[in-house]
Amino acid sequence: MTRVLLIVLTAARLHAYGETFDEYSVKAVFLFNLAKFVEWPNQAFTSANEPFVVCVLGQDPFAAVMKDAVRGRVIGNKKVEVRDISDIQSAGKCHILFVSASEHKRFRAILAEIKGDGVLTVGESAEFVGSGGMINLTLKDARFHMEIDPDAAERAKLRISSKLLSLAEITRK
């Protein structure tokens, strides 16, 4: 948890000192570390050697950045795999679904389609959590903010660590 907080604070500090940082690189590292504070149900993984799958939906440079950030890394004992998906039907095979801001008009439809167990939904738009998403990461006032709807996560049989919840704005839909 300290590592996640350190990343967020470092990004904010770099911006404050006028140094540039890539928002998507910071989000990629944040998303990777975020996964360490979420517990997935056993049925989310069909085999011991199944990879931990992060999917990116929407027109966004994030998938390429995320692939670079997690190359060779593991979550638990699972190799991390990033998939750039173009249709929501592929999202059922994901453990984390990052929904780009470019999909804002379809948030409700996308989130309704993947109500299945074990998919953590993460977005980057103010209306994402209000539309049924679980976690929203935004950059406001040169700082990253995290909004979480723990009820949405619970409905998907995901447990978010209290440590992570303590760092976020909690929204209940």
Protein backbone atom coordinates (compact mmCIF):
# COMPACT_ATOMS: atom_id res chain seq x y z
CA MET A 1 0.00 0.00 0.00
CA THR A 2 2.84 2.32 0.79
CA ARG A 3 4.18 1.80 -2.72
CA VAL A 4 0.85 2.84 -4.30
CA LEU A 5 0.65 5.94 -2.13
CA LEU A 6 4.27 6.79 -2.91
CA ILE A 7 3.62 6.60 -6.66
CA VAL A 8 0.64 8.90 -6.43
CA LEU A 9 2.48 11.40 -4.24
CA THR A 10 5.55 11.30 -6.49
CA ALA A 11 3.46 12.05 -9.56
CA ALA A 12 1.82 14.96 -7.79
CA ARG A 13 5.19 16.27 -6.62
CA LEU A 14 6.72 16.07 -10.12
CA HIS A 15 3.85 18.10 -11.46
CA ALA A 16 4.11 20.61 -8.64
CA TYR A 17 7.80 21.18 -9.40
CA GLY A 18 7.10 21.70 -13.08
CA GLU A 19 8.58 18.42 -14.19
CA THR A 20 6.57 16.51 -16.70
CA PHE A 21 5.26 13.03 -16.16
CA ASP A 22 3.15 10.81 -18.30
CA GLU A 23 -0.31 10.47 -16.77
CA TYR A 24 -0.83 7.06 -18.37
CA SER A 25 2.48 5.69 -17.09
CA VAL A 26 1.52 6.66 -13.57
CA LYS A 27 -1.98 5.18 -14.05
CA ALA A 28 -0.43 1.94 -15.35
CA VAL A 29 1.80 1.52 -12.32
CA PHE A 30 -1.06 2.53 -10.05
CA LEU A 31 -3.40 -0.01 -11.68
CA PHE A 32 -0.81 -2.77 -11.35
CA ASN A 33 -0.35 -2.02 -7.65
CA LEU A 34 -4.08 -1.56 -7.12
CA ALA A 35 -4.63 -5.19 -8.09
CA LYS A 36 -2.57 -6.26 -5.08
CA PHE A 37 -5.25 -4.83 -2.80
CA VAL A 38 -8.23 -6.60 -4.33
CA GLU A 39 -9.25 -10.17 -3.61
CA TRP A 40 -10.83 -12.11 -6.49
CA PRO A 41 -13.17 -15.07 -5.99
CA ASN A 42 -11.65 -18.51 -6.59
CA GLN A 43 -13.81 -19.06 -9.67
CA ALA A 44 -12.23 -16.00 -11.34
CA PHE A 45 -9.28 -18.23 -12.22
CA THR A 46 -9.93 -21.51 -14.00
CA SER A 47 -6.42 -22.91 -13.54
CA ALA A 48 -3.28 -22.33 -11.49
CA ASN A 49 -1.27 -21.18 -14.51
CA GLU A 50 -3.95 -18.88 -15.94
CA PRO A 51 -2.57 -15.33 -16.34
CA PHE A 52 -3.92 -12.30 -14.53
CA VAL A 53 -5.62 -10.41 -17.38
CA VAL A 54 -5.91 -6.63 -17.59
CA CYS A 55 -8.06 -5.45 -20.50
CA VAL A 56 -8.26 -1.95 -21.93
CA LEU A 57 -11.44 -0.94 -23.75
CA GLY A 58 -11.63 2.23 -25.81
CA GLN A 59 -9.48 4.50 -27.91
CA ASP A 60 -6.64 5.22 -25.62
CA PRO A 61 -2.84 4.96 -25.57
CA PHE A 62 -3.15 3.21 -22.22
CA ALA A 63 -2.92 -0.40 -23.43
CA ALA A 64 0.58 0.05 -24.88
CA VAL A 65 1.76 1.93 -21.78
CA MET A 66 0.26 -0.73 -19.51
CA LYS A 67 1.96 -3.53 -21.47
CA ASP A 68 5.32 -1.83 -20.98
CA ALA A 69 4.68 -1.21 -17.28
CA VAL A 70 3.80 -4.83 -16.45
CA ARG A 71 6.11 -6.72 -18.79
CA GLY A 72 7.57 -9.64 -16.86
CA ARG A 73 5.63 -8.85 -13.67
CA VAL A 74 3.34 -11.05 -11.62
CA ILE A 75 0.41 -10.51 -9.30
CA GLY A 76 0.41 -13.19 -6.65
CA ASN A 77 1.84 -16.09 -8.60
CA LYS A 78 0.19 -15.14 -11.88
CA LYS A 79 1.87 -13.61 -14.90
CA VAL A 80 0.19 -10.33 -15.91
CA GLU A 81 -1.17 -10.11 -19.44
CA VAL A 82 -2.60 -6.92 -21.00
CA ARG A 83 -5.17 -7.10 -23.78
CA ASP A 84 -6.46 -4.22 -25.86
CA ILE A 85 -10.07 -5.16 -26.55
CA SER A 86 -12.53 -3.55 -28.92
CA ASP A 87 -15.74 -5.34 -27.95
CA ILE A 88 -17.37 -5.86 -24.59
CA GLN A 89 -17.92 -9.58 -25.21
CA SER A 90 -14.18 -10.08 -24.63
CA ALA A 91 -14.35 -8.45 -21.18
CA GLY A 92 -15.62 -11.59 -19.45
CA LYS A 93 -12.12 -13.05 -19.75
CA CYS A 94 -10.58 -10.09 -17.89
CA HIS A 95 -9.78 -9.69 -14.21
CA ILE A 96 -9.46 -5.92 -14.54
CA LEU A 97 -11.27 -3.94 -17.22
CA PHE A 98 -9.97 -0.40 -17.73
CA VAL A 99 -12.61 1.60 -19.60
CA SER A 100 -11.24 4.62 -21.42
CA ALA A 101 -12.91 8.02 -21.26
CA SER A 102 -13.60 7.63 -24.99
CA GLU A 103 -16.35 5.17 -24.02
CA HIS A 104 -18.22 7.62 -21.75
CA LYS A 105 -21.43 7.44 -23.80
CA ARG A 106 -21.51 3.66 -23.39
CA PHE A 107 -20.53 3.31 -19.69
CA ARG A 108 -23.91 2.05 -18.52
CA ALA A 109 -24.24 -0.45 -21.39
CA ILE A 110 -20.67 -1.70 -20.97
CA LEU A 111 -20.99 -2.11 -17.21
CA ALA A 112 -24.40 -3.80 -17.51
CA GLU A 113 -22.92 -6.29 -19.97
CA ILE A 114 -20.14 -7.45 -17.60
CA LYS A 115 -22.04 -7.85 -14.36
CA GLY A 116 -20.39 -11.24 -13.98
CA ASP A 117 -18.26 -12.23 -11.05
CA GLY A 118 -14.65 -11.31 -10.81
CA VAL A 119 -14.15 -8.36 -13.18
CA LEU A 120 -12.85 -5.21 -11.50
CA THR A 121 -13.95 -2.19 -13.53
CA VAL A 122 -11.72 0.89 -13.55
CA GLY A 123 -12.34 4.13 -15.41
CA GLU A 124 -10.98 7.62 -15.77
CA SER A 125 -14.06 9.82 -16.08
CA ALA A 126 -16.08 11.61 -13.41
CA GLU A 127 -19.28 9.77 -14.32
CA PHE A 128 -17.74 6.26 -14.37
CA VAL A 129 -18.56 5.20 -10.80
CA GLY A 130 -22.02 6.78 -10.98
CA SER A 131 -22.68 4.64 -14.05
CA GLY A 132 -21.91 1.43 -12.15
CA GLY A 133 -18.09 1.26 -12.31
CA MET A 134 -16.05 0.24 -9.28
CA ILE A 135 -12.97 2.47 -9.32
CA ASN A 136 -12.34 5.81 -10.98
CA LEU A 137 -8.85 7.30 -11.33
CA THR A 138 -8.72 10.98 -12.22
CA LEU A 139 -6.18 13.75 -12.24
CA LYS A 140 -7.52 16.88 -10.53
CA ASP A 141 -5.56 19.87 -9.35
CA ALA A 142 -2.29 18.14 -10.30
CA ARG A 143 -3.11 15.16 -8.06
CA PHE A 144 -4.49 11.71 -8.65
CA HIS A 145 -7.83 11.02 -7.02
CA MET A 146 -9.42 7.66 -6.56
CA GLU A 147 -13.15 7.13 -6.18
CA ILE A 148 -14.40 3.66 -5.22
CA ASP A 149 -17.85 2.13 -5.02
CA PRO A 150 -17.27 -0.83 -2.66
CA ASP A 151 -20.86 -2.02 -3.15
CA ALA A 152 -20.30 -2.44 -6.90
CA ALA A 153 -17.16 -4.46 -6.15
CA GLU A 154 -19.00 -6.59 -3.62
CA ARG A 155 -21.74 -7.37 -6.14
CA ALA A 156 -19.01 -8.78 -8.39
CA LYS A 157 -17.69 -10.83 -5.44
CA LEU A 158 -14.53 -8.73 -5.18
CA ARG A 159 -13.11 -7.58 -1.86
CA ILE A 160 -11.21 -4.32 -1.78
CA SER A 161 -8.71 -3.91 1.03
CA SER A 162 -9.59 -1.44 3.76
CA LYS A 163 -6.12 0.07 3.22
CA LEU A 164 -7.05 0.97 -0.34
CA LEU A 165 -10.50 2.18 0.69
CA SER A 166 -8.91 4.52 3.24
CA LEU A 167 -7.10 6.33 0.41
CA ALA A 168 -10.20 6.84 -1.72
CA GLU A 169 -13.37 8.84 -1.86
CA ILE A 170 -16.14 6.32 -1.21
CA THR A 171 -19.26 6.49 -3.36
CA ARG A 172 -22.21 4.18 -2.98
CA LYS A 173 -24.69 3.78 -5.79
